[in-house]
C-alpha atoms as a PDB file:
ATOM      1  CA  MET A   1      10.853 -10.761 -21.404  1.00  0.00           C
ATOM      2  CA  GLN A   2       9.868 -14.346 -21.903  1.00  0.00           C
ATOM      3  CA  ASN A   3       9.441 -14.731 -18.168  1.00  0.00           C
ATOM      4  CA  LYS A   4       6.083 -14.032 -16.567  1.00  0.00           C
ATOM      5  CA  THR A   5       5.591 -10.311 -15.929  1.00  0.00           C
ATOM      6  CA  ILE A   6       4.755  -9.613 -12.283  1.00  0.00           C
ATOM      7  CA  LYS A   7       3.995  -5.920 -12.694  1.00  0.00           C
ATOM      8  CA  ARG A   8       4.093  -3.425 -15.528  1.00  0.00           C
ATOM      9  CA  PHE A   9       4.133   0.363 -15.307  1.00  0.00           C
ATOM     10  CA  SER A  10       5.675   3.541 -16.688  1.00  0.00           C
ATOM     11  CA  GLY A  11       7.623   6.237 -14.922  1.00  0.00           C
ATOM     12  CA  ARG A  12       9.999   9.155 -15.284  1.00  0.00           C
ATOM     13  CA  VAL A  13      13.725   8.828 -14.727  1.00  0.00           C
ATOM     14  CA  THR A  14      14.895  11.245 -12.043  1.00  0.00           C
ATOM     15  CA  ARG A  15      18.251  12.132 -10.559  1.00  0.00           C
ATOM     16  CA  GLY A  16      19.230  10.185  -7.493  1.00  0.00           C
ATOM     17  CA  SER A  17      22.144  10.525  -5.130  1.00  0.00           C
ATOM     18  CA  GLY A  18      24.629   8.996  -7.597  1.00  0.00           C
ATOM     19  CA  ASP A  19      25.608   6.215  -5.191  1.00  0.00           C
ATOM     20  CA  GLY A  20      25.125   3.502  -7.833  1.00  0.00           C
ATOM     21  CA  THR A  21      27.456   5.257 -10.258  1.00  0.00           C
ATOM     22  CA  LYS A  22      30.082   5.675  -7.526  1.00  0.00           C
ATOM     23  CA  ILE A  23      30.236   1.898  -7.002  1.00  0.00           C
ATOM     24  CA  GLY A  24      30.101   0.970 -10.694  1.00  0.00           C
ATOM     25  CA  PHE A  25      26.383   0.245 -11.062  1.00  0.00           C
ATOM     26  CA  PRO A  26      24.562   3.345 -12.300  1.00  0.00           C
ATOM     27  CA  THR A  27      20.824   3.167 -11.846  1.00  0.00           C
ATOM     28  CA  ALA A  28      17.825   4.885 -13.342  1.00  0.00           C
ATOM     29  CA  ASN A  29      15.727   6.140 -10.445  1.00  0.00           C
ATOM     30  CA  ILE A  30      12.115   5.812 -11.529  1.00  0.00           C
ATOM     31  CA  LEU A  31       9.072   7.725 -10.288  1.00  0.00           C
ATOM     32  CA  PRO A  32       6.274   5.259 -11.148  1.00  0.00           C
ATOM     33  CA  ASN A  33       3.016   6.564 -12.578  1.00  0.00           C
ATOM     34  CA  ILE A  34       1.089   4.151 -10.329  1.00  0.00           C
ATOM     35  CA  ASP A  35       1.182   3.297  -6.634  1.00  0.00           C
ATOM     36  CA  ILE A  36       3.633   0.416  -6.210  1.00  0.00           C
ATOM     37  CA  SER A  37       3.626   0.508  -2.395  1.00  0.00           C
ATOM     38  CA  GLY A  38       2.126  -3.015  -2.310  1.00  0.00           C
ATOM     39  CA  LEU A  39       5.027  -4.423  -4.330  1.00  0.00           C
ATOM     40  CA  LYS A  40       7.270  -6.757  -2.342  1.00  0.00           C
ATOM     41  CA  PHE A  41      10.618  -5.169  -1.419  1.00  0.00           C
ATOM     42  CA  GLY A  42      13.501  -6.808  -3.207  1.00  0.00           C
ATOM     43  CA  VAL A  43      15.410  -7.336  -6.435  1.00  0.00           C
ATOM     44  CA  TYR A  44      13.766  -8.307  -9.718  1.00  0.00           C
ATOM     45  CA  ALA A  45      14.881  -9.175 -13.224  1.00  0.00           C
ATOM     46  CA  CYS A  46      13.179  -6.737 -15.565  1.00  0.00           C
ATOM     47  CA  ASP A  47      12.884  -5.317 -19.017  1.00  0.00           C
ATOM     48  CA  ILE A  48      12.975  -1.563 -19.370  1.00  0.00           C
ATOM     49  CA  TYR A  49      11.821   0.103 -22.572  1.00  0.00           C
ATOM     50  CA  ILE A  50      13.568   3.343 -23.474  1.00  0.00           C
ATOM     51  CA  GLU A  51      12.280   5.039 -26.624  1.00  0.00           C
ATOM     52  CA  LYS A  52      10.478   1.772 -27.484  1.00  0.00           C
ATOM     53  CA  LYS A  53      13.721  -0.254 -27.351  1.00  0.00           C
ATOM     54  CA  PRO A  54      13.961  -3.049 -24.735  1.00  0.00           C
ATOM     55  CA  TYR A  55      16.915  -3.527 -22.414  1.00  0.00           C
ATOM     56  CA  LYS A  56      17.438  -6.087 -19.679  1.00  0.00           C
ATOM     57  CA  GLY A  57      17.848  -4.775 -16.192  1.00  0.00           C
ATOM     58  CA  VAL A  58      17.987  -5.521 -12.508  1.00  0.00           C
ATOM     59  CA  ALA A  59      15.453  -3.552 -10.487  1.00  0.00           C
ATOM     60  CA  HIS A  60      15.475  -2.852  -6.775  1.00  0.00           C
ATOM     61  CA  TYR A  61      12.460  -1.674  -4.822  1.00  0.00           C
ATOM     62  CA  GLY A  62      12.810  -0.811  -1.168  1.00  0.00           C
ATOM     63  CA  PRO A  63      14.926   1.200   1.237  1.00  0.00           C
ATOM     64  CA  ARG A  64      18.678   1.299   0.692  1.00  0.00           C
ATOM     65  CA  ALA A  65      19.768   0.553   4.260  1.00  0.00           C
ATOM     66  CA  VAL A  66      23.486   0.371   3.394  1.00  0.00           C
ATOM     67  CA  PHE A  67      23.235   4.085   2.538  1.00  0.00           C
ATOM     68  CA  GLY A  68      21.267   4.863   5.710  1.00  0.00           C
ATOM     69  CA  GLU A  69      17.935   5.341   3.920  1.00  0.00           C
ATOM     70  CA  THR A  70      14.534   4.219   5.173  1.00  0.00           C
ATOM     71  CA  LYS A  71      12.254   5.483   2.389  1.00  0.00           C
ATOM     72  CA  PRO A  72      11.609   2.947  -0.402  1.00  0.00           C
ATOM     73  CA  GLN A  73      12.943   3.770  -3.852  1.00  0.00           C
ATOM     74  CA  PHE A  74      12.571   2.116  -7.236  1.00  0.00           C
ATOM     75  CA  GLU A  75      15.719   1.951  -9.337  1.00  0.00           C
ATOM     76  CA  VAL A  76      16.968  -0.073 -12.298  1.00  0.00           C
ATOM     77  CA  HIS A  77      20.509  -0.948 -13.300  1.00  0.00           C
ATOM     78  CA  ILE A  78      20.193  -1.241 -17.086  1.00  0.00           C
ATOM     79  CA  LEU A  79      22.509  -3.862 -18.557  1.00  0.00           C
ATOM     80  CA  ASP A  80      24.803  -2.806 -21.396  1.00  0.00           C
ATOM     81  CA  PHE A  81      23.516   0.777 -21.374  1.00  0.00           C
ATOM     82  CA  ASP A  82      25.300   4.092 -20.935  1.00  0.00           C
ATOM     83  CA  LYS A  83      23.150   7.058 -21.961  1.00  0.00           C
ATOM     84  CA  ASP A  84      21.726  10.080 -20.175  1.00  0.00           C
ATOM     85  CA  ILE A  85      17.997   9.426 -19.853  1.00  0.00           C
ATOM     86  CA  TYR A  86      17.056  11.880 -17.093  1.00  0.00           C
ATOM     87  CA  GLY A  87      13.480  13.044 -17.598  1.00  0.00           C
ATOM     88  CA  GLU A  88      12.649  10.226 -20.031  1.00  0.00           C
ATOM     89  CA  LEU A  89       9.417   8.277 -19.695  1.00  0.00           C
ATOM     90  CA  VAL A  90      10.266   4.567 -19.549  1.00  0.00           C
ATOM     91  CA  LYS A  91       8.213   1.374 -19.345  1.00  0.00           C
ATOM     92  CA  ILE A  92       9.102  -1.273 -16.788  1.00  0.00           C
ATOM     93  CA  PHE A  93       8.148  -4.940 -17.005  1.00  0.00           C
ATOM     94  CA  LEU A  94       9.076  -6.647 -13.740  1.00  0.00           C
ATOM     95  CA  GLY A  95       9.813 -10.324 -14.148  1.00  0.00           C
ATOM     96  CA  LYS A  96      11.272 -12.924 -11.832  1.00  0.00           C
ATOM     97  CA  TYR A  97      11.750 -11.990  -8.203  1.00  0.00           C
ATOM     98  CA  ILE A  98      15.439 -12.628  -7.523  1.00  0.00           C
ATOM     99  CA  ARG A  99      15.751 -11.984  -3.796  1.00  0.00           C
ATOM    100  CA  GLU A 100      14.580  -9.913  -0.875  1.00  0.00           C
ATOM    101  CA  THR A 101      16.213  -6.645   0.093  1.00  0.00           C
ATOM    102  CA  MET A 102      19.292  -7.360   2.180  1.00  0.00           C
ATOM    103  CA  ASN A 103      21.215  -5.313   4.679  1.00  0.00           C
ATOM    104  CA  PHE A 104      24.965  -5.475   4.055  1.00  0.00           C
ATOM    105  CA  ASP A 105      27.745  -4.907   6.557  1.00  0.00           C
ATOM    106  CA  ASN A 106      29.782  -3.086   3.917  1.00  0.00           C
ATOM    107  CA  LEU A 107      29.793  -1.982   0.289  1.00  0.00           C
ATOM    108  CA  ASN A 108      32.019  -4.867  -0.844  1.00  0.00           C
ATOM    109  CA  GLY A 109      29.388  -7.392   0.221  1.00  0.00           C
ATOM    110  CA  MET A 110      26.714  -5.448  -1.617  1.00  0.00           C
ATOM    111  CA  ILE A 111      28.848  -5.136  -4.772  1.00  0.00           C
ATOM    112  CA  GLU A 112      29.464  -8.906  -4.831  1.00  0.00           C
ATOM    113  CA  GLN A 113      25.734  -9.565  -4.450  1.00  0.00           C
ATOM    114  CA  ILE A 114      24.904  -7.114  -7.257  1.00  0.00           C
ATOM    115  CA  HIS A 115      27.325  -8.993  -9.549  1.00  0.00           C
ATOM    116  CA  GLN A 116      25.437 -12.204  -8.747  1.00  0.00           C
ATOM    117  CA  ASP A 117      22.056 -10.532  -9.371  1.00  0.00           C
ATOM    118  CA  ILE A 118      23.239  -9.237 -12.755  1.00  0.00           C
ATOM    119  CA  LYS A 119      24.570 -12.648 -13.751  1.00  0.00           C
ATOM    120  CA  TYR A 120      21.239 -14.217 -12.825  1.00  0.00           C
ATOM    121  CA  ALA A 121      19.238 -11.617 -14.795  1.00  0.00           C
ATOM    122  CA  ARG A 122      21.523 -11.926 -17.831  1.00  0.00           C
ATOM    123  CA  ASN A 123      21.061 -15.680 -17.979  1.00  0.00           C
ATOM    124  CA  MET A 124      17.280 -15.544 -17.850  1.00  0.00           C
ATOM    125  CA  LYS A 125      15.548 -16.482 -21.077  1.00  0.00           C
END
């Protein structure tokens, strides 16, 4: 990532609820190896290294209110990636903060916003 890295850490990919896959945006749910509780809730452009290979991604840290959750989670939608990586140790390099966590009235609003977040992350140099 040529952008300034805000935070860098490793973590294991765990199974989530599958909600991202159901709406067309599968995510890798990450259990960080460090305490990230001080990290600002929101959406970030990121690089995620899987088996030493970098991929661009869009990370979200915080509660997923649209799904009725209050506990913060860390998850990454990996761009142009479709492999089973459950249990893998990955490295995350958080870059530009895109936006704060939002509460959506419905899934369609959230899906449209995710498309915008992905477009933004893709165009970052």
